[in-house]
Amino acid sequence: MRFVDNDRYRETGEIYSLFRAETELSKPFVLLYGDIIFEGSILEKLLRAPADVAVVVDRAYPDLLRAGKLPDGARDLVLTETPSEGARFVAPAEGSRVLRIGPDVEPRAAHGEFIGLAAFSAAGARALRDVYHELRGERAEGLDKASVTHLLQVMIDRGRTVTAIDVHKGWMEIDSFDDYRRAWAELRR
């Protein structure tokens, strides 16, 4: 493991931070947001995925939305080619192709939520770097402040396949001290 720091963290976004470690993005890698905890089986499922670019998607999102049980805040939502139909859903073994991802996905249309965990094969890592450098060459506005899901959506828009690895709960995002306390209470069970 190698630690890479982004000294411009306050003025930049996730993609800028990720590409501070660009030399490490030439081989397969796992991208993991630092503010989540998750069951080990989720990572195992992600690592078994044959996709070049795979993102973990929590399919519990539509049920939580209908029940009014979502915490406040922006979400990285996902629309796939395989919507869940009601309360019961069996995900395709090979995953579902992502059509839209990010905070701009309409909440009522979303099929799930990106949890902040993704895997890239060597080919997927190359595709990510290629799209990033294409955007750099085009002088894309806001690239330094872009999120991972923004770059994933550009990859999708440019014909690259991003695959959803479906899960149902089993993770938590920790954004506040209350979230931290709730996470410890859950882990102690």
C-alpha atoms as a PDB file:
ATOM      1  CA  MET A   1       0.000   0.000   0.000  1.00  0.00           C
ATOM      2  CA  ARG A   2       1.213   3.490  -0.809  1.00  0.00           C
ATOM      3  CA  PHE A   3      -0.298   6.695   0.622  1.00  0.00           C
ATOM      4  CA  VAL A   4      -0.808   9.622  -1.751  1.00  0.00           C
ATOM      5  CA  ASP A   5      -1.899  12.989  -0.367  1.00  0.00           C
ATOM      6  CA  ASN A   6      -3.859  15.715  -2.140  1.00  0.00           C
ATOM      7  CA  ASP A   7      -2.625  19.023  -0.734  1.00  0.00           C
ATOM      8  CA  ARG A   8      -5.379  20.800  -2.705  1.00  0.00           C
ATOM      9  CA  TYR A   9      -8.197  18.752  -1.138  1.00  0.00           C
ATOM     10  CA  ARG A  10     -10.338  21.764  -0.123  1.00  0.00           C
ATOM     11  CA  GLU A  11     -10.408  23.200  -3.653  1.00  0.00           C
ATOM     12  CA  THR A  12     -10.609  20.003  -5.712  1.00  0.00           C
ATOM     13  CA  GLY A  13     -12.807  16.904  -6.017  1.00  0.00           C
ATOM     14  CA  GLU A  14     -12.503  13.139  -5.957  1.00  0.00           C
ATOM     15  CA  ILE A  15     -11.091  12.773  -9.468  1.00  0.00           C
ATOM     16  CA  TYR A  16      -8.277  15.208  -8.762  1.00  0.00           C
ATOM     17  CA  SER A  17      -7.431  13.206  -5.625  1.00  0.00           C
ATOM     18  CA  LEU A  18      -7.629   9.887  -7.474  1.00  0.00           C
ATOM     19  CA  PHE A  19      -5.343  11.063 -10.255  1.00  0.00           C
ATOM     20  CA  ARG A  20      -2.678  12.173  -7.757  1.00  0.00           C
ATOM     21  CA  ALA A  21      -2.071   8.404  -7.666  1.00  0.00           C
ATOM     22  CA  GLU A  22      -2.198   7.949 -11.444  1.00  0.00           C
ATOM     23  CA  THR A  23       0.950   5.825 -11.541  1.00  0.00           C
ATOM     24  CA  GLU A  24      -0.956   3.238  -9.475  1.00  0.00           C
ATOM     25  CA  LEU A  25      -3.872   3.265 -11.933  1.00  0.00           C
ATOM     26  CA  SER A  26      -2.046   1.259 -14.597  1.00  0.00           C
ATOM     27  CA  LYS A  27      -3.037  -2.114 -13.151  1.00  0.00           C
ATOM     28  CA  PRO A  28      -6.214  -3.563 -11.618  1.00  0.00           C
ATOM     29  CA  PHE A  29      -7.367  -1.625  -8.569  1.00  0.00           C
ATOM     30  CA  VAL A  30     -10.230  -1.174  -6.129  1.00  0.00           C
ATOM     31  CA  LEU A  31     -11.603   2.294  -5.493  1.00  0.00           C
ATOM     32  CA  LEU A  32     -13.014   2.701  -1.998  1.00  0.00           C
ATOM     33  CA  TYR A  33     -14.467   5.845  -0.476  1.00  0.00           C
ATOM     34  CA  GLY A  34     -12.908   6.451   2.928  1.00  0.00           C
ATOM     35  CA  ASP A  35     -16.206   7.186   4.683  1.00  0.00           C
ATOM     36  CA  ILE A  36     -17.935   3.818   4.283  1.00  0.00           C
ATOM     37  CA  ILE A  37     -17.924   0.532   6.130  1.00  0.00           C
ATOM     38  CA  PHE A  38     -19.324  -2.647   4.603  1.00  0.00           C
ATOM     39  CA  GLU A  39     -19.686  -6.368   5.028  1.00  0.00           C
ATOM     40  CA  GLY A  40     -16.727  -8.372   3.722  1.00  0.00           C
ATOM     41  CA  SER A  41     -19.016 -10.346   1.421  1.00  0.00           C
ATOM     42  CA  ILE A  42     -19.646  -7.168  -0.609  1.00  0.00           C
ATOM     43  CA  LEU A  43     -15.948  -6.784  -1.395  1.00  0.00           C
ATOM     44  CA  GLU A  44     -15.689 -10.505  -2.182  1.00  0.00           C
ATOM     45  CA  LYS A  45     -18.595 -10.235  -4.631  1.00  0.00           C
ATOM     46  CA  LEU A  46     -17.022  -7.191  -6.281  1.00  0.00           C
ATOM     47  CA  LEU A  47     -13.640  -8.907  -6.656  1.00  0.00           C
ATOM     48  CA  ARG A  48     -15.278 -11.937  -8.322  1.00  0.00           C
ATOM     49  CA  ALA A  49     -16.988  -9.749 -10.932  1.00  0.00           C
ATOM     50  CA  PRO A  50     -15.622 -10.325 -14.445  1.00  0.00           C
ATOM     51  CA  ALA A  51     -16.391  -6.735 -15.535  1.00  0.00           C
ATOM     52  CA  ASP A  52     -13.669  -4.281 -16.515  1.00  0.00           C
ATOM     53  CA  VAL A  53     -15.427  -1.517 -14.558  1.00  0.00           C
ATOM     54  CA  ALA A  54     -17.702  -2.663 -11.743  1.00  0.00           C
ATOM     55  CA  VAL A  55     -19.522  -0.482  -9.217  1.00  0.00           C
ATOM     56  CA  VAL A  56     -21.354  -1.736  -6.125  1.00  0.00           C
ATOM     57  CA  VAL A  57     -25.013  -0.684  -6.185  1.00  0.00           C
ATOM     58  CA  ASP A  58     -27.356  -1.002  -3.220  1.00  0.00           C
ATOM     59  CA  ARG A  59     -30.723  -2.108  -4.608  1.00  0.00           C
ATOM     60  CA  ALA A  60     -32.442  -1.286  -1.286  1.00  0.00           C
ATOM     61  CA  TYR A  61     -32.548   2.402  -2.269  1.00  0.00           C
ATOM     62  CA  PRO A  62     -36.013   2.399  -3.961  1.00  0.00           C
ATOM     63  CA  ASP A  63     -37.588   0.623  -0.975  1.00  0.00           C
ATOM     64  CA  LEU A  64     -35.978   3.052   1.474  1.00  0.00           C
ATOM     65  CA  LEU A  65     -37.121   5.993  -0.644  1.00  0.00           C
ATOM     66  CA  ARG A  66     -40.727   4.734  -0.684  1.00  0.00           C
ATOM     67  CA  ALA A  67     -40.615   4.166   3.076  1.00  0.00           C
ATOM     68  CA  GLY A  68     -39.193   7.661   3.699  1.00  0.00           C
ATOM     69  CA  LYS A  69     -36.172   6.226   5.539  1.00  0.00           C
ATOM     70  CA  LEU A  70     -33.342   7.960   3.697  1.00  0.00           C
ATOM     71  CA  PRO A  71     -30.961  10.248   5.563  1.00  0.00           C
ATOM     72  CA  ASP A  72     -30.571  13.787   4.246  1.00  0.00           C
ATOM     73  CA  GLY A  73     -27.895  14.650   1.723  1.00  0.00           C
ATOM     74  CA  ALA A  74     -26.917  14.134  -1.877  1.00  0.00           C
ATOM     75  CA  ARG A  75     -26.739  10.608  -3.245  1.00  0.00           C
ATOM     76  CA  ASP A  76     -24.900   8.958  -6.114  1.00  0.00           C
ATOM     77  CA  LEU A  77     -27.868   7.193  -7.654  1.00  0.00           C
ATOM     78  CA  VAL A  78     -27.852   4.567 -10.383  1.00  0.00           C
ATOM     79  CA  LEU A  79     -30.148   3.651 -13.256  1.00  0.00           C
ATOM     80  CA  THR A  80     -29.453   0.245 -14.817  1.00  0.00           C
ATOM     81  CA  GLU A  81     -30.749  -1.702 -17.792  1.00  0.00           C
ATOM     82  CA  THR A  82     -32.204  -4.198 -15.276  1.00  0.00           C
ATOM     83  CA  PRO A  83     -34.621  -2.444 -12.926  1.00  0.00           C
ATOM     84  CA  SER A  84     -35.751  -4.273  -9.814  1.00  0.00           C
ATOM     85  CA  GLU A  85     -39.449  -5.064  -9.990  1.00  0.00           C
ATOM     86  CA  GLY A  86     -40.978  -4.440  -6.576  1.00  0.00           C
ATOM     87  CA  ALA A  87     -39.756  -5.916  -3.309  1.00  0.00           C
ATOM     88  CA  ARG A  88     -38.287  -9.092  -4.825  1.00  0.00           C
ATOM     89  CA  PHE A  89     -35.342  -8.990  -7.175  1.00  0.00           C
ATOM     90  CA  VAL A  90     -32.653 -11.439  -8.183  1.00  0.00           C
ATOM     91  CA  ALA A  91     -29.720  -9.687  -9.777  1.00  0.00           C
ATOM     92  CA  PRO A  92     -28.229 -11.096 -12.978  1.00  0.00           C
ATOM     93  CA  ALA A  93     -25.123 -13.138 -12.148  1.00  0.00           C
ATOM     94  CA  GLU A  94     -22.998 -11.076 -14.552  1.00  0.00           C
ATOM     95  CA  GLY A  95     -24.310  -7.776 -13.158  1.00  0.00           C
ATOM     96  CA  SER A  96     -26.410  -5.086 -14.788  1.00  0.00           C
ATOM     97  CA  ARG A  97     -25.173  -2.486 -17.258  1.00  0.00           C
ATOM     98  CA  VAL A  98     -25.260   1.008 -15.744  1.00  0.00           C
ATOM     99  CA  LEU A  99     -27.074   3.574 -17.886  1.00  0.00           C
ATOM    100  CA  ARG A 100     -26.788   6.603 -15.583  1.00  0.00           C
ATOM    101  CA  ILE A 101     -24.855   7.232 -12.372  1.00  0.00           C
ATOM    102  CA  GLY A 102     -24.395  10.205 -10.085  1.00  0.00           C
ATOM    103  CA  PRO A 103     -26.230  12.928  -8.199  1.00  0.00           C
ATOM    104  CA  ASP A 104     -28.174  13.995 -11.314  1.00  0.00           C
ATOM    105  CA  VAL A 105     -30.178  10.756 -11.512  1.00  0.00           C
ATOM    106  CA  GLU A 106     -33.814  11.435 -10.613  1.00  0.00           C
ATOM    107  CA  PRO A 107     -34.403   9.815  -7.182  1.00  0.00           C
ATOM    108  CA  ARG A 108     -37.802   8.332  -8.099  1.00  0.00           C
ATOM    109  CA  ALA A 109     -36.334   6.761 -11.259  1.00  0.00           C
ATOM    110  CA  ALA A 110     -33.220   5.326  -9.586  1.00  0.00           C
ATOM    111  CA  HIS A 111     -32.760   1.573  -9.353  1.00  0.00           C
ATOM    112  CA  GLY A 112     -30.117   1.823  -6.634  1.00  0.00           C
ATOM    113  CA  GLU A 113     -27.362   3.814  -4.974  1.00  0.00           C
ATOM    114  CA  PHE A 114     -23.611   3.643  -5.649  1.00  0.00           C
ATOM    115  CA  ILE A 115     -22.011   2.916  -2.286  1.00  0.00           C
ATOM    116  CA  GLY A 116     -18.520   4.241  -3.091  1.00  0.00           C
ATOM    117  CA  LEU A 117     -16.859   0.923  -3.893  1.00  0.00           C
ATOM    118  CA  ALA A 118     -15.685  -0.021  -7.398  1.00  0.00           C
ATOM    119  CA  ALA A 119     -13.185  -2.283  -9.118  1.00  0.00           C
ATOM    120  CA  PHE A 120     -11.243  -1.723 -12.313  1.00  0.00           C
ATOM    121  CA  SER A 121      -9.443  -4.409 -14.307  1.00  0.00           C
ATOM    122  CA  ALA A 122      -6.286  -3.402 -16.166  1.00  0.00           C
ATOM    123  CA  ALA A 123      -8.453  -2.631 -19.229  1.00  0.00           C
ATOM    124  CA  GLY A 124     -10.948  -0.732 -17.046  1.00  0.00           C
ATOM    125  CA  ALA A 125      -8.140   1.282 -15.457  1.00  0.00           C
ATOM    126  CA  ARG A 126      -6.820   2.127 -18.939  1.00  0.00           C
ATOM    127  CA  ALA A 127     -10.321   3.237 -20.036  1.00  0.00           C
ATOM    128  CA  LEU A 128     -10.634   5.445 -16.932  1.00  0.00           C
ATOM    129  CA  ARG A 129      -7.246   7.059 -17.603  1.00  0.00           C
ATOM    130  CA  ASP A 130      -8.056   7.487 -21.313  1.00  0.00           C
ATOM    131  CA  VAL A 131     -11.333   9.296 -20.607  1.00  0.00           C
ATOM    132  CA  TYR A 132      -9.673  11.461 -17.968  1.00  0.00           C
ATOM    133  CA  HIS A 133      -6.925  12.506 -20.397  1.00  0.00           C
ATOM    134  CA  GLU A 134      -9.443  13.079 -23.208  1.00  0.00           C
ATOM    135  CA  LEU A 135     -11.303  15.466 -20.885  1.00  0.00           C
ATOM    136  CA  ARG A 136      -8.025  17.133 -19.891  1.00  0.00           C
ATOM    137  CA  GLY A 137      -7.184  17.598 -23.572  1.00  0.00           C
ATOM    138  CA  GLU A 138     -10.647  19.067 -24.194  1.00  0.00           C
ATOM    139  CA  ARG A 139     -10.090  21.387 -21.222  1.00  0.00           C
ATOM    140  CA  ALA A 140     -13.342  20.148 -19.687  1.00  0.00           C
ATOM    141  CA  GLU A 141     -14.704  22.717 -17.287  1.00  0.00           C
ATOM    142  CA  GLY A 142     -14.835  21.595 -13.658  1.00  0.00           C
ATOM    143  CA  LEU A 143     -12.701  18.479 -14.113  1.00  0.00           C
ATOM    144  CA  ASP A 144     -10.560  19.269 -11.067  1.00  0.00           C
ATOM    145  CA  LYS A 145     -13.732  19.354  -8.930  1.00  0.00           C
ATOM    146  CA  ALA A 146     -15.426  16.339 -10.535  1.00  0.00           C
ATOM    147  CA  SER A 147     -16.585  13.312  -8.610  1.00  0.00           C
ATOM    148  CA  VAL A 148     -15.873   9.684  -9.468  1.00  0.00           C
ATOM    149  CA  THR A 149     -19.465   9.260 -10.644  1.00  0.00           C
ATOM    150  CA  HIS A 150     -19.100  12.214 -13.017  1.00  0.00           C
ATOM    151  CA  LEU A 151     -16.163  10.493 -14.705  1.00  0.00           C
ATOM    152  CA  LEU A 152     -17.987   7.145 -14.742  1.00  0.00           C
ATOM    153  CA  GLN A 153     -20.938   8.830 -16.474  1.00  0.00           C
ATOM    154  CA  VAL A 154     -18.630  10.293 -19.117  1.00  0.00           C
ATOM    155  CA  MET A 155     -17.225   6.805 -19.681  1.00  0.00           C
ATOM    156  CA  ILE A 156     -20.783   5.495 -20.161  1.00  0.00           C
ATOM    157  CA  ASP A 157     -21.674   8.397 -22.472  1.00  0.00           C
ATOM    158  CA  ARG A 158     -18.603   7.582 -24.581  1.00  0.00           C
ATOM    159  CA  GLY A 159     -19.649   3.956 -25.027  1.00  0.00           C
ATOM    160  CA  ARG A 160     -17.697   2.251 -22.260  1.00  0.00           C
ATOM    161  CA  THR A 161     -19.477  -0.382 -20.168  1.00  0.00           C
ATOM    162  CA  VAL A 162     -19.862   0.090 -16.424  1.00  0.00           C
ATOM    163  CA  THR A 163     -21.420  -2.868 -14.607  1.00  0.00           C
ATOM    164  CA  ALA A 164     -23.507  -2.706 -11.429  1.00  0.00           C
ATOM    165  CA  ILE A 165     -22.705  -5.337  -8.832  1.00  0.00           C
ATOM    166  CA  ASP A 166     -25.949  -5.529  -6.909  1.00  0.00           C
ATOM    167  CA  VAL A 167     -26.200  -5.782  -3.120  1.00  0.00           C
ATOM    168  CA  HIS A 168     -29.024  -5.215  -0.657  1.00  0.00           C
ATOM    169  CA  LYS A 169     -27.874  -3.127   2.319  1.00  0.00           C
ATOM    170  CA  GLY A 170     -24.805  -4.348   4.244  1.00  0.00           C
ATOM    171  CA  TRP A 171     -22.978  -1.000   4.254  1.00  0.00           C
ATOM    172  CA  MET A 172     -22.996   2.385   5.991  1.00  0.00           C
ATOM    173  CA  GLU A 173     -21.716   5.831   5.128  1.00  0.00           C
ATOM    174  CA  ILE A 174     -20.187   7.791   7.982  1.00  0.00           C
ATOM    175  CA  ASP A 175     -20.541  11.537   7.505  1.00  0.00           C
ATOM    176  CA  SER A 176     -21.108  12.728  11.059  1.00  0.00           C
ATOM    177  CA  PHE A 177     -20.405  11.824  14.665  1.00  0.00           C
ATOM    178  CA  ASP A 178     -23.972  10.488  14.936  1.00  0.00           C
ATOM    179  CA  ASP A 179     -23.244   8.189  11.968  1.00  0.00           C
ATOM    180  CA  TYR A 180     -20.074   7.065  13.715  1.00  0.00           C
ATOM    181  CA  ARG A 181     -21.985   6.208  16.912  1.00  0.00           C
ATOM    182  CA  ARG A 182     -24.646   4.382  14.896  1.00  0.00           C
ATOM    183  CA  ALA A 183     -21.958   2.386  13.074  1.00  0.00           C
ATOM    184  CA  TRP A 184     -20.345   1.320  16.374  1.00  0.00           C
ATOM    185  CA  ALA A 185     -23.742   0.270  17.735  1.00  0.00           C
ATOM    186  CA  GLU A 186     -24.331  -1.857  14.611  1.00  0.00           C
ATOM    187  CA  LEU A 187     -20.869  -3.430  14.772  1.00  0.00           C
ATOM    188  CA  ARG A 188     -21.269  -4.408  18.418  1.00  0.00           C
ATOM    189  CA  ARG A 189     -24.377  -6.515  17.695  1.00  0.00           C
END
